Amino acid sequence: MTLLRIDASILGPGSASSELADLVLAAWTAERPDEQVVTRHLGSEPLPADAWPIAIGAGYTPEDQRSEAQKNAVALAQQLHDELVAADHVVIAAPLYNWGVSPHIQNWINLVIAGGTPAERILEGKPTVLLSTRGGNYSPGTPKHGWDHSTPYLRRVIADVWGAELTVVEREFTLVGVNPALDQFAELGAQLKQEAHTAASAAGKALATA
């Protein structure tokens, strides 16, 4: 069994999404201590920003006429695709940035798709955990409900297009305690953090027994 962990935070050790991923992995490893874990941190080691358009351009270029850059981009896309296909379990830690999908994750998704075939069911039936973190609060009834344009998109790709058996753990108000403007929400922020941590641990245990 192989678990693939994808991180995308740019915050290093202060990342709320990576913290949730650590909890998932701890619970998973407790049940499966001898299983392989493959990690890819798109935030600290981002994929080349131009790899996707170069790989797409290579698709319109005869193979024997491709440039070195095109060959490298195609090879990278194939590597990322095959890495995901080879995984038995997947954990994706996805912070919300500027109300949308992390550009690091978007680039990864584009390259994975470029490395396979259109609408390929890459994760068909595979247990997958998506960890979504947001600095503010976008839940129903809040002023910015509906401003999260990341989680719905990732659900669509991971579950509906790729076919994963998806579990989503969400944490709001990660900037409480960081941004003084949110100090009034300290109690709620602590509650939401605890709930997310509990859910992440439970998701990790469920992933291990799936």
N, C-alpha and C. Protein backbone atom coordinates (compact mmCIF):
# COMPACT_ATOMS: atom_id res chain seq x y z
N MET A 1 0.84 -1.19 0.00
CA MET A 1 0.00 0.00 0.00
C MET A 1 0.88 1.25 0.00
N THR A 2 0.48 2.23 -0.78
CA THR A 2 1.20 3.50 -0.86
C THR A 2 0.23 4.65 -0.62
N LEU A 3 0.63 5.58 0.23
CA LEU A 3 -0.13 6.81 0.45
C LEU A 3 0.64 7.96 -0.15
N LEU A 4 -0.03 8.75 -0.98
CA LEU A 4 0.57 9.95 -1.56
C LEU A 4 0.03 11.17 -0.84
N ARG A 5 0.93 11.96 -0.30
CA ARG A 5 0.56 13.20 0.40
C ARG A 5 1.00 14.40 -0.42
N ILE A 6 0.05 15.28 -0.71
CA ILE A 6 0.32 16.49 -1.45
C ILE A 6 0.06 17.70 -0.54
N ASP A 7 1.07 18.54 -0.35
CA ASP A 7 0.93 19.80 0.38
C ASP A 7 1.12 20.96 -0.58
N ALA A 8 0.51 22.11 -0.24
CA ALA A 8 0.65 23.27 -1.12
C ALA A 8 0.85 24.58 -0.37
N SER A 9 0.94 24.53 0.93
CA SER A 9 1.05 25.77 1.71
C SER A 9 2.38 26.49 1.46
N ILE A 10 2.32 27.82 1.52
CA ILE A 10 3.54 28.62 1.41
C ILE A 10 4.02 29.08 2.79
N LEU A 11 3.39 28.58 3.86
CA LEU A 11 3.65 29.07 5.21
C LEU A 11 4.61 28.21 6.02
N GLY A 12 5.16 27.18 5.43
CA GLY A 12 6.12 26.36 6.15
C GLY A 12 5.55 25.73 7.41
N PRO A 13 6.28 25.77 8.53
CA PRO A 13 5.82 25.12 9.76
C PRO A 13 4.57 25.78 10.36
N GLY A 14 4.21 26.97 9.90
CA GLY A 14 3.01 27.63 10.41
C GLY A 14 1.75 27.29 9.65
N SER A 15 1.82 26.31 8.77
CA SER A 15 0.70 25.98 7.90
C SER A 15 -0.40 25.21 8.62
N ALA A 16 -1.63 25.72 8.55
CA ALA A 16 -2.77 25.01 9.14
C ALA A 16 -3.14 23.78 8.32
N SER A 17 -2.99 23.85 7.01
CA SER A 17 -3.34 22.70 6.18
C SER A 17 -2.35 21.56 6.38
N SER A 18 -1.08 21.89 6.49
CA SER A 18 -0.08 20.84 6.75
C SER A 18 -0.25 20.24 8.14
N GLU A 19 -0.70 21.05 9.08
CA GLU A 19 -0.96 20.54 10.42
C GLU A 19 -2.07 19.49 10.37
N LEU A 20 -3.11 19.75 9.60
CA LEU A 20 -4.18 18.76 9.45
C LEU A 20 -3.65 17.51 8.76
N ALA A 21 -2.82 17.70 7.74
CA ALA A 21 -2.25 16.54 7.04
C ALA A 21 -1.39 15.70 7.97
N ASP A 22 -0.66 16.35 8.87
CA ASP A 22 0.15 15.62 9.85
C ASP A 22 -0.73 14.73 10.73
N LEU A 23 -1.91 15.25 11.11
CA LEU A 23 -2.83 14.48 11.94
C LEU A 23 -3.40 13.28 11.18
N VAL A 24 -3.72 13.50 9.92
CA VAL A 24 -4.20 12.38 9.09
C VAL A 24 -3.12 11.31 8.99
N LEU A 25 -1.90 11.75 8.71
CA LEU A 25 -0.80 10.79 8.55
C LEU A 25 -0.49 10.06 9.85
N ALA A 26 -0.58 10.76 10.98
CA ALA A 26 -0.30 10.12 12.26
C ALA A 26 -1.31 9.01 12.53
N ALA A 27 -2.57 9.28 12.26
CA ALA A 27 -3.60 8.27 12.47
C ALA A 27 -3.44 7.12 11.48
N TRP A 28 -3.11 7.44 10.25
CA TRP A 28 -2.93 6.42 9.22
C TRP A 28 -1.73 5.52 9.55
N THR A 29 -0.63 6.15 9.95
CA THR A 29 0.59 5.41 10.25
C THR A 29 0.43 4.53 11.49
N ALA A 30 -0.39 4.99 12.44
CA ALA A 30 -0.63 4.18 13.64
C ALA A 30 -1.27 2.85 13.27
N GLU A 31 -2.09 2.86 12.22
CA GLU A 31 -2.75 1.63 11.77
C GLU A 31 -1.91 0.86 10.76
N ARG A 32 -1.08 1.59 10.00
CA ARG A 32 -0.29 0.98 8.93
C ARG A 32 1.17 1.44 9.04
N PRO A 33 1.87 1.04 10.09
CA PRO A 33 3.23 1.56 10.34
C PRO A 33 4.26 1.17 9.29
N ASP A 34 4.01 0.12 8.53
CA ASP A 34 5.01 -0.36 7.58
C ASP A 34 4.71 0.02 6.14
N GLU A 35 3.67 0.81 5.94
CA GLU A 35 3.29 1.17 4.57
C GLU A 35 4.09 2.37 4.07
N GLN A 36 4.20 2.46 2.76
CA GLN A 36 4.99 3.52 2.13
C GLN A 36 4.21 4.83 2.05
N VAL A 37 4.89 5.93 2.38
CA VAL A 37 4.32 7.26 2.25
C VAL A 37 5.18 8.06 1.28
N VAL A 38 4.56 8.56 0.24
CA VAL A 38 5.24 9.40 -0.75
C VAL A 38 4.74 10.82 -0.55
N THR A 39 5.65 11.77 -0.41
CA THR A 39 5.26 13.16 -0.17
C THR A 39 5.72 14.05 -1.30
N ARG A 40 4.88 15.03 -1.61
CA ARG A 40 5.24 16.05 -2.59
C ARG A 40 4.73 17.38 -2.06
N HIS A 41 5.66 18.30 -1.78
CA HIS A 41 5.28 19.60 -1.24
C HIS A 41 5.37 20.64 -2.35
N LEU A 42 4.23 21.00 -2.88
CA LEU A 42 4.17 21.93 -4.00
C LEU A 42 4.44 23.37 -3.59
N GLY A 43 4.32 23.65 -2.28
CA GLY A 43 4.58 25.00 -1.80
C GLY A 43 6.06 25.28 -1.63
N SER A 44 6.77 24.36 -1.01
CA SER A 44 8.21 24.57 -0.77
C SER A 44 9.06 24.15 -1.97
N GLU A 45 8.53 23.24 -2.79
CA GLU A 45 9.23 22.81 -4.00
C GLU A 45 8.26 22.88 -5.17
N PRO A 46 7.91 24.09 -5.61
CA PRO A 46 6.90 24.25 -6.65
C PRO A 46 7.33 23.67 -7.99
N LEU A 47 6.34 23.19 -8.73
CA LEU A 47 6.60 22.71 -10.08
C LEU A 47 6.85 23.91 -10.99
N PRO A 48 7.60 23.73 -12.05
CA PRO A 48 7.87 24.85 -12.97
C PRO A 48 6.57 25.44 -13.50
N ALA A 49 6.43 26.75 -13.43
CA ALA A 49 5.19 27.40 -13.82
C ALA A 49 4.90 27.26 -15.31
N ASP A 50 5.95 27.07 -16.11
CA ASP A 50 5.74 26.99 -17.56
C ASP A 50 5.66 25.56 -18.08
N ALA A 51 5.72 24.58 -17.17
CA ALA A 51 5.76 23.18 -17.61
C ALA A 51 4.48 22.76 -18.32
N TRP A 52 3.34 23.21 -17.78
CA TRP A 52 2.07 22.79 -18.39
C TRP A 52 1.90 23.30 -19.82
N PRO A 53 2.03 24.62 -20.08
CA PRO A 53 1.88 25.06 -21.47
C PRO A 53 2.91 24.44 -22.41
N ILE A 54 4.12 24.20 -21.90
CA ILE A 54 5.13 23.56 -22.75
C ILE A 54 4.73 22.13 -23.07
N ALA A 55 4.20 21.41 -22.07
CA ALA A 55 3.76 20.02 -22.30
C ALA A 55 2.60 19.98 -23.29
N ILE A 56 1.68 20.94 -23.15
CA ILE A 56 0.55 20.99 -24.09
C ILE A 56 1.05 21.28 -25.50
N GLY A 57 1.99 22.21 -25.62
CA GLY A 57 2.56 22.51 -26.93
C GLY A 57 3.26 21.32 -27.55
N ALA A 58 3.85 20.49 -26.70
CA ALA A 58 4.54 19.30 -27.20
C ALA A 58 3.56 18.33 -27.85
N GLY A 59 2.31 18.36 -27.37
CA GLY A 59 1.30 17.47 -27.94
C GLY A 59 0.98 17.79 -29.39
N TYR A 60 1.32 18.99 -29.81
CA TYR A 60 1.08 19.40 -31.19
C TYR A 60 2.37 19.40 -32.01
N THR A 61 3.41 18.81 -31.42
CA THR A 61 4.72 18.77 -32.07
C THR A 61 5.13 17.32 -32.29
N PRO A 62 5.51 16.92 -33.51
CA PRO A 62 6.00 15.56 -33.72
C PRO A 62 7.09 15.21 -32.72
N GLU A 63 7.04 14.00 -32.19
CA GLU A 63 7.95 13.62 -31.10
C GLU A 63 9.40 13.83 -31.46
N ASP A 64 9.76 13.53 -32.69
CA ASP A 64 11.17 13.66 -33.07
C ASP A 64 11.60 15.11 -33.31
N GLN A 65 10.63 16.03 -33.20
CA GLN A 65 10.94 17.44 -33.40
C GLN A 65 10.81 18.25 -32.10
N ARG A 66 10.54 17.58 -31.00
CA ARG A 66 10.34 18.29 -29.74
C ARG A 66 11.66 18.84 -29.20
N SER A 67 11.55 20.02 -28.59
CA SER A 67 12.72 20.63 -27.96
C SER A 67 13.03 19.91 -26.65
N GLU A 68 14.19 20.21 -26.08
CA GLU A 68 14.55 19.60 -24.80
C GLU A 68 13.55 20.01 -23.72
N ALA A 69 13.11 21.28 -23.76
CA ALA A 69 12.13 21.76 -22.79
C ALA A 69 10.82 21.01 -22.92
N GLN A 70 10.39 20.74 -24.14
CA GLN A 70 9.15 19.99 -24.35
C GLN A 70 9.29 18.55 -23.85
N LYS A 71 10.41 17.93 -24.11
CA LYS A 71 10.63 16.57 -23.63
C LYS A 71 10.60 16.52 -22.10
N ASN A 72 11.23 17.50 -21.46
CA ASN A 72 11.26 17.54 -19.99
C ASN A 72 9.86 17.77 -19.42
N ALA A 73 9.09 18.65 -20.04
CA ALA A 73 7.75 18.94 -19.56
C ALA A 73 6.83 17.73 -19.70
N VAL A 74 6.93 17.05 -20.81
CA VAL A 74 6.13 15.84 -21.02
C VAL A 74 6.52 14.76 -20.02
N ALA A 75 7.80 14.62 -19.76
CA ALA A 75 8.27 13.62 -18.80
C ALA A 75 7.77 13.95 -17.40
N LEU A 76 7.78 15.23 -17.03
CA LEU A 76 7.29 15.64 -15.71
C LEU A 76 5.80 15.37 -15.58
N ALA A 77 5.03 15.71 -16.60
CA ALA A 77 3.59 15.45 -16.58
C ALA A 77 3.31 13.96 -16.42
N GLN A 78 4.05 13.14 -17.13
CA GLN A 78 3.87 11.70 -17.04
C GLN A 78 4.25 11.18 -15.65
N GLN A 79 5.31 11.73 -15.08
CA GLN A 79 5.75 11.33 -13.74
C GLN A 79 4.67 11.64 -12.70
N LEU A 80 4.11 12.85 -12.76
CA LEU A 80 3.10 13.25 -11.79
C LEU A 80 1.83 12.41 -11.95
N HIS A 81 1.46 12.16 -13.18
CA HIS A 81 0.29 11.32 -13.46
C HIS A 81 0.50 9.92 -12.90
N ASP A 82 1.64 9.33 -13.21
CA ASP A 82 1.91 7.95 -12.78
C ASP A 82 2.03 7.85 -11.26
N GLU A 83 2.56 8.88 -10.63
CA GLU A 83 2.69 8.92 -9.18
C GLU A 83 1.32 8.86 -8.52
N LEU A 84 0.36 9.60 -9.08
CA LEU A 84 -0.99 9.61 -8.55
C LEU A 84 -1.69 8.29 -8.81
N VAL A 85 -1.52 7.75 -10.00
CA VAL A 85 -2.13 6.47 -10.35
C VAL A 85 -1.62 5.35 -9.44
N ALA A 86 -0.34 5.41 -9.09
CA ALA A 86 0.28 4.35 -8.28
C ALA A 86 -0.16 4.37 -6.83
N ALA A 87 -0.70 5.50 -6.37
CA ALA A 87 -1.09 5.61 -4.96
C ALA A 87 -2.36 4.83 -4.67
N ASP A 88 -2.40 4.20 -3.50
CA ASP A 88 -3.60 3.50 -3.06
C ASP A 88 -4.48 4.41 -2.21
N HIS A 89 -3.86 5.36 -1.52
CA HIS A 89 -4.55 6.35 -0.70
C HIS A 89 -3.93 7.71 -0.99
N VAL A 90 -4.73 8.76 -0.90
CA VAL A 90 -4.23 10.09 -1.24
C VAL A 90 -4.70 11.10 -0.18
N VAL A 91 -3.81 11.99 0.20
CA VAL A 91 -4.13 13.10 1.11
C VAL A 91 -3.67 14.38 0.45
N ILE A 92 -4.59 15.33 0.31
CA ILE A 92 -4.28 16.61 -0.35
C ILE A 92 -4.60 17.74 0.62
N ALA A 93 -3.58 18.50 1.00
CA ALA A 93 -3.75 19.64 1.91
C ALA A 93 -3.79 20.91 1.07
N ALA A 94 -4.97 21.55 1.04
CA ALA A 94 -5.19 22.64 0.09
C ALA A 94 -5.68 23.91 0.77
N PRO A 95 -4.79 24.86 1.03
CA PRO A 95 -5.22 26.14 1.60
C PRO A 95 -5.93 26.99 0.56
N LEU A 96 -6.82 27.84 1.02
CA LEU A 96 -7.50 28.81 0.16
C LEU A 96 -6.62 30.06 0.05
N TYR A 97 -6.29 30.46 -1.16
CA TYR A 97 -5.50 31.67 -1.37
C TYR A 97 -6.25 32.65 -2.26
N ASN A 98 -6.49 33.86 -1.73
CA ASN A 98 -7.17 34.90 -2.50
C ASN A 98 -8.48 34.38 -3.10
N TRP A 99 -9.22 33.66 -2.29
CA TRP A 99 -10.55 33.14 -2.60
C TRP A 99 -10.56 32.07 -3.68
N GLY A 100 -9.39 31.56 -4.05
CA GLY A 100 -9.35 30.56 -5.11
C GLY A 100 -8.38 29.43 -4.82
N VAL A 101 -8.20 28.61 -5.84
CA VAL A 101 -7.32 27.44 -5.74
C VAL A 101 -5.86 27.89 -5.67
N SER A 102 -5.10 27.27 -4.80
CA SER A 102 -3.67 27.52 -4.76
C SER A 102 -3.08 27.33 -6.15
N PRO A 103 -2.30 28.29 -6.64
CA PRO A 103 -1.71 28.12 -7.98
C PRO A 103 -0.79 26.91 -8.07
N HIS A 104 -0.21 26.51 -6.95
CA HIS A 104 0.65 25.32 -6.96
C HIS A 104 -0.18 24.06 -7.21
N ILE A 105 -1.36 23.99 -6.59
CA ILE A 105 -2.23 22.83 -6.81
C ILE A 105 -2.81 22.86 -8.21
N GLN A 106 -3.19 24.04 -8.68
CA GLN A 106 -3.73 24.15 -10.04
C GLN A 106 -2.72 23.69 -11.07
N ASN A 107 -1.46 24.08 -10.89
CA ASN A 107 -0.41 23.65 -11.80
C ASN A 107 -0.23 22.14 -11.75
N TRP A 108 -0.26 21.59 -10.55
CA TRP A 108 -0.14 20.13 -10.39
C TRP A 108 -1.28 19.40 -11.10
N ILE A 109 -2.50 19.86 -10.90
CA ILE A 109 -3.66 19.24 -11.53
C ILE A 109 -3.53 19.30 -13.05
N ASN A 110 -3.16 20.46 -13.56
CA ASN A 110 -3.01 20.60 -15.01
C ASN A 110 -1.98 19.63 -15.58
N LEU A 111 -0.87 19.48 -14.87
CA LEU A 111 0.18 18.58 -15.35
C LEU A 111 -0.24 17.12 -15.23
N VAL A 112 -0.93 16.77 -14.15
CA VAL A 112 -1.42 15.39 -14.00
C VAL A 112 -2.34 15.04 -15.17
N ILE A 113 -3.25 15.95 -15.49
CA ILE A 113 -4.18 15.71 -16.60
C ILE A 113 -3.42 15.62 -17.92
N ALA A 114 -2.42 16.49 -18.10
CA ALA A 114 -1.62 16.46 -19.32
C ALA A 114 -0.85 15.16 -19.47
N GLY A 115 -0.53 14.52 -18.34
CA GLY A 115 0.23 13.27 -18.38
C GLY A 115 -0.61 12.05 -18.67
N GLY A 116 -1.92 12.22 -18.72
CA GLY A 116 -2.81 11.09 -19.00
C GLY A 116 -3.69 11.37 -20.19
N THR A 117 -4.96 11.00 -20.06
CA THR A 117 -5.92 11.24 -21.13
C THR A 117 -7.07 12.08 -20.58
N PRO A 118 -7.76 12.85 -21.42
CA PRO A 118 -8.85 13.70 -20.95
C PRO A 118 -9.93 12.91 -20.21
N ALA A 119 -10.40 13.46 -19.09
CA ALA A 119 -11.47 12.86 -18.28
C ALA A 119 -11.11 11.47 -17.75
N GLU A 120 -9.83 11.16 -17.64
CA GLU A 120 -9.39 9.86 -17.11
C GLU A 120 -9.77 9.72 -15.64
N ARG A 121 -10.29 8.56 -15.25
CA ARG A 121 -10.69 8.30 -13.86
C ARG A 121 -9.46 7.87 -13.07
N ILE A 122 -8.58 8.82 -12.83
CA ILE A 122 -7.27 8.54 -12.26
C ILE A 122 -7.37 7.91 -10.87
N LEU A 123 -8.36 8.36 -10.08
CA LEU A 123 -8.48 7.89 -8.70
C LEU A 123 -9.73 7.03 -8.49
N GLU A 124 -10.16 6.35 -9.50
CA GLU A 124 -11.39 5.56 -9.43
C GLU A 124 -11.43 4.67 -8.19
N GLY A 125 -12.38 4.98 -7.28
CA GLY A 125 -12.60 4.16 -6.09
C GLY A 125 -11.53 4.26 -5.02
N LYS A 126 -10.55 5.15 -5.18
CA LYS A 126 -9.47 5.22 -4.20
C LYS A 126 -9.84 6.18 -3.06
N PRO A 127 -9.66 5.75 -1.80
CA PRO A 127 -9.94 6.63 -0.66
C PRO A 127 -9.00 7.84 -0.67
N THR A 128 -9.59 9.02 -0.60
CA THR A 128 -8.83 10.26 -0.70
C THR A 128 -9.35 11.26 0.32
N VAL A 129 -8.44 11.95 0.99
CA VAL A 129 -8.83 12.98 1.96
C VAL A 129 -8.37 14.34 1.44
N LEU A 130 -9.30 15.27 1.35
CA LEU A 130 -9.00 16.65 1.00
C LEU A 130 -9.11 17.51 2.25
N LEU A 131 -8.04 18.22 2.56
CA LEU A 131 -8.01 19.10 3.73
C LEU A 131 -8.05 20.54 3.24
N SER A 132 -9.14 21.23 3.53
CA SER A 132 -9.34 22.59 3.05
C SER A 132 -9.28 23.56 4.21
N THR A 133 -8.36 24.53 4.14
CA THR A 133 -8.22 25.52 5.22
C THR A 133 -8.43 26.91 4.66
N ARG A 134 -9.07 27.77 5.51
CA ARG A 134 -9.41 29.12 5.07
C ARG A 134 -9.14 30.10 6.21
N GLY A 135 -8.48 31.19 5.91
CA GLY A 135 -8.11 32.15 6.94
C GLY A 135 -9.31 32.81 7.58
N GLY A 136 -10.34 33.09 6.79
CA GLY A 136 -11.57 33.67 7.31
C GLY A 136 -12.63 32.63 7.51
N ASN A 137 -13.87 33.10 7.58
CA ASN A 137 -15.00 32.19 7.76
C ASN A 137 -15.95 32.37 6.58
N TYR A 138 -16.14 31.29 5.84
CA TYR A 138 -16.96 31.32 4.63
C TYR A 138 -18.19 30.43 4.75
N SER A 139 -18.54 30.08 5.97
CA SER A 139 -19.66 29.17 6.20
C SER A 139 -20.99 29.87 5.95
N PRO A 140 -22.09 29.09 5.77
CA PRO A 140 -23.41 29.69 5.54
C PRO A 140 -23.78 30.70 6.62
N GLY A 141 -24.30 31.83 6.20
CA GLY A 141 -24.70 32.87 7.13
C GLY A 141 -23.64 33.94 7.35
N THR A 142 -22.42 33.69 6.89
CA THR A 142 -21.36 34.69 7.03
C THR A 142 -21.35 35.61 5.81
N PRO A 143 -20.80 36.81 5.94
CA PRO A 143 -20.79 37.75 4.82
C PRO A 143 -20.10 37.22 3.56
N LYS A 144 -19.11 36.33 3.73
CA LYS A 144 -18.37 35.83 2.58
C LYS A 144 -18.72 34.39 2.21
N HIS A 145 -19.90 33.96 2.63
CA HIS A 145 -20.35 32.63 2.19
C HIS A 145 -20.40 32.61 0.67
N GLY A 146 -19.79 31.58 0.09
CA GLY A 146 -19.76 31.46 -1.36
C GLY A 146 -18.51 32.02 -2.00
N TRP A 147 -17.64 32.64 -1.18
CA TRP A 147 -16.40 33.20 -1.72
C TRP A 147 -15.28 32.17 -1.83
N ASP A 148 -15.50 30.99 -1.28
CA ASP A 148 -14.50 29.92 -1.40
C ASP A 148 -14.66 29.28 -2.77
N HIS A 149 -13.76 29.64 -3.69
CA HIS A 149 -13.82 29.09 -5.04
C HIS A 149 -12.79 27.98 -5.24
N SER A 150 -12.27 27.47 -4.13
CA SER A 150 -11.28 26.40 -4.19
C SER A 150 -11.91 25.03 -3.91
N THR A 151 -12.57 24.90 -2.76
CA THR A 151 -13.09 23.60 -2.34
C THR A 151 -14.08 23.01 -3.33
N PRO A 152 -15.06 23.77 -3.83
CA PRO A 152 -15.99 23.19 -4.81
C PRO A 152 -15.27 22.69 -6.07
N TYR A 153 -14.29 23.45 -6.54
CA TYR A 153 -13.53 23.05 -7.73
C TYR A 153 -12.76 21.75 -7.46
N LEU A 154 -12.10 21.68 -6.30
CA LEU A 154 -11.32 20.48 -5.99
C LEU A 154 -12.22 19.27 -5.82
N ARG A 155 -13.39 19.45 -5.23
CA ARG A 155 -14.37 18.35 -5.16
C ARG A 155 -14.71 17.86 -6.57
N ARG A 156 -14.95 18.80 -7.46
CA ARG A 156 -15.34 18.45 -8.82
C ARG A 156 -14.25 17.63 -9.51
N VAL A 157 -12.99 18.08 -9.38
CA VAL A 157 -11.90 17.38 -10.05
C VAL A 157 -11.62 16.04 -9.40
N ILE A 158 -11.42 16.05 -8.07
CA ILE A 158 -10.96 14.85 -7.37
C ILE A 158 -12.04 13.76 -7.34
N ALA A 159 -13.27 14.14 -7.05
CA ALA A 159 -14.34 13.15 -6.94
C ALA A 159 -15.07 12.93 -8.26
N ASP A 160 -15.55 14.01 -8.87
CA ASP A 160 -16.41 13.85 -10.04
C ASP A 160 -15.63 13.49 -11.31
N VAL A 161 -14.46 14.08 -11.50
CA VAL A 161 -13.68 13.80 -12.71
C VAL A 161 -12.77 12.60 -12.49
N TRP A 162 -12.03 12.61 -11.39
CA TRP A 162 -11.06 11.54 -11.15
C TRP A 162 -11.65 10.32 -10.47
N GLY A 163 -12.84 10.43 -9.88
CA GLY A 163 -13.54 9.26 -9.34
C GLY A 163 -13.15 8.81 -7.95
N ALA A 164 -12.48 9.65 -7.18
CA ALA A 164 -12.04 9.25 -5.83
C ALA A 164 -13.22 9.09 -4.88
N GLU A 165 -13.04 8.24 -3.88
CA GLU A 165 -13.95 8.17 -2.74
C GLU A 165 -13.48 9.25 -1.76
N LEU A 166 -14.12 10.39 -1.83
CA LEU A 166 -13.56 11.59 -1.20
C LEU A 166 -14.16 11.90 0.17
N THR A 167 -13.26 12.21 1.11
CA THR A 167 -13.62 12.76 2.40
C THR A 167 -13.01 14.15 2.50
N VAL A 168 -13.83 15.13 2.88
CA VAL A 168 -13.35 16.51 2.98
C VAL A 168 -13.37 16.96 4.44
N VAL A 169 -12.24 17.45 4.91
CA VAL A 169 -12.14 18.05 6.25
C VAL A 169 -11.83 19.53 6.05
N GLU A 170 -12.66 20.39 6.64
CA GLU A 170 -12.51 21.83 6.44
C GLU A 170 -12.24 22.53 7.77
N ARG A 171 -11.38 23.54 7.70
CA ARG A 171 -11.14 24.37 8.88
C ARG A 171 -11.23 25.84 8.50
N GLU A 172 -12.10 26.58 9.19
CA GLU A 172 -12.28 28.01 8.98
C GLU A 172 -11.47 28.79 10.02
N PHE A 173 -11.31 30.07 9.78
CA PHE A 173 -10.73 31.00 10.75
C PHE A 173 -9.31 30.62 11.17
N THR A 174 -8.49 30.20 10.24
CA THR A 174 -7.11 29.85 10.61
C THR A 174 -6.30 31.09 10.96
N LEU A 175 -6.80 32.28 10.58
CA LEU A 175 -6.08 33.52 10.89
C LEU A 175 -6.47 34.10 12.25
N VAL A 176 -7.39 33.45 12.95
CA VAL A 176 -7.69 33.88 14.32
C VAL A 176 -6.45 33.60 15.18
N GLY A 177 -6.02 34.62 15.90
CA GLY A 177 -4.78 34.51 16.68
C GLY A 177 -3.57 34.98 15.90
N VAL A 178 -3.76 35.23 14.60
CA VAL A 178 -2.69 35.74 13.75
C VAL A 178 -3.01 37.18 13.34
N ASN A 179 -4.24 37.39 12.89
CA ASN A 179 -4.72 38.72 12.49
C ASN A 179 -5.49 39.35 13.65
N PRO A 180 -4.98 40.43 14.24
CA PRO A 180 -5.66 41.06 15.38
C PRO A 180 -7.10 41.46 15.10
N ALA A 181 -7.43 41.70 13.84
CA ALA A 181 -8.81 42.08 13.49
C ALA A 181 -9.81 40.97 13.79
N LEU A 182 -9.29 39.75 13.97
CA LEU A 182 -10.17 38.60 14.22
C LEU A 182 -10.15 38.16 15.69
N ASP A 183 -9.54 38.95 16.56
CA ASP A 183 -9.42 38.57 17.96
C ASP A 183 -10.78 38.32 18.62
N GLN A 184 -11.80 39.02 18.15
CA GLN A 184 -13.13 38.85 18.74
C GLN A 184 -13.70 37.45 18.51
N PHE A 185 -13.10 36.72 17.57
CA PHE A 185 -13.58 35.38 17.25
C PHE A 185 -12.69 34.30 17.86
N ALA A 186 -11.92 34.65 18.89
CA ALA A 186 -10.96 33.70 19.46
C ALA A 186 -11.63 32.41 19.93
N GLU A 187 -12.75 32.52 20.61
CA GLU A 187 -13.41 31.32 21.12
C GLU A 187 -13.92 30.45 19.98
N LEU A 188 -14.56 31.06 19.00
CA LEU A 188 -15.06 30.30 17.86
C LEU A 188 -13.91 29.70 17.07
N GLY A 189 -12.84 30.46 16.89
CA GLY A 189 -11.69 29.94 16.16
C GLY A 189 -11.09 28.72 16.82
N ALA A 190 -10.99 28.75 18.14
CA ALA A 190 -10.46 27.60 18.88
C ALA A 190 -11.37 26.38 18.73
N GLN A 191 -12.67 26.64 18.75
CA GLN A 191 -13.63 25.54 18.59
C GLN A 191 -13.53 24.91 17.20
N LEU A 192 -13.45 25.75 16.18
CA LEU A 192 -13.36 25.24 14.81
C LEU A 192 -12.05 24.49 14.59
N LYS A 193 -10.98 24.97 15.21
CA LYS A 193 -9.69 24.28 15.11
C LYS A 193 -9.77 22.89 15.72
N GLN A 194 -10.36 22.79 16.91
CA GLN A 194 -10.46 21.51 17.57
C GLN A 194 -11.33 20.54 16.77
N GLU A 195 -12.43 21.04 16.24
CA GLU A 195 -13.31 20.20 15.45
C GLU A 195 -12.60 19.68 14.20
N ALA A 196 -11.83 20.55 13.56
CA ALA A 196 -11.10 20.13 12.36
C ALA A 196 -10.02 19.12 12.69
N HIS A 197 -9.32 19.32 13.81
CA HIS A 197 -8.28 18.38 14.21
C HIS A 197 -8.88 17.00 14.52
N THR A 198 -10.01 17.00 15.19
CA THR A 198 -10.68 15.73 15.50
C THR A 198 -11.11 15.04 14.21
N ALA A 199 -11.65 15.80 13.28
CA ALA A 199 -12.10 15.25 12.01
C ALA A 199 -10.94 14.71 11.19
N ALA A 200 -9.79 15.40 11.24
CA ALA A 200 -8.61 14.97 10.49
C ALA A 200 -8.09 13.63 11.03
N SER A 201 -8.03 13.51 12.33
CA SER A 201 -7.58 12.25 12.94
C SER A 201 -8.53 11.10 12.57
N ALA A 202 -9.83 11.39 12.63
CA ALA A 202 -10.82 10.38 12.28
C ALA A 202 -10.70 9.99 10.82
N ALA A 203 -10.43 10.97 9.95
CA ALA A 203 -10.28 10.69 8.52
C ALA A 203 -9.06 9.83 8.27
N GLY A 204 -7.99 10.08 9.01
CA GLY A 204 -6.79 9.27 8.86
C GLY A 204 -7.00 7.82 9.26
N LYS A 205 -7.72 7.63 10.35
CA LYS A 205 -8.02 6.27 10.80
C LYS A 205 -8.92 5.55 9.80
N ALA A 206 -9.92 6.28 9.29
CA ALA A 206 -10.82 5.68 8.31
C ALA A 206 -10.09 5.35 7.02
N LEU A 207 -9.15 6.21 6.66
CA LEU A 207 -8.36 5.98 5.44
C LEU A 207 -7.54 4.69 5.57
N ALA A 208 -7.01 4.47 6.75
CA ALA A 208 -6.18 3.29 6.99
C ALA A 208 -6.97 1.99 6.96
N THR A 209 -8.24 2.08 7.27
CA THR A 209 -9.06 0.86 7.33
C THR A 209 -9.96 0.71 6.11
N ALA A 210 -9.85 1.66 5.15
CA ALA A 210 -10.69 1.61 3.95
C ALA A 210 -10.26 0.45 3.04
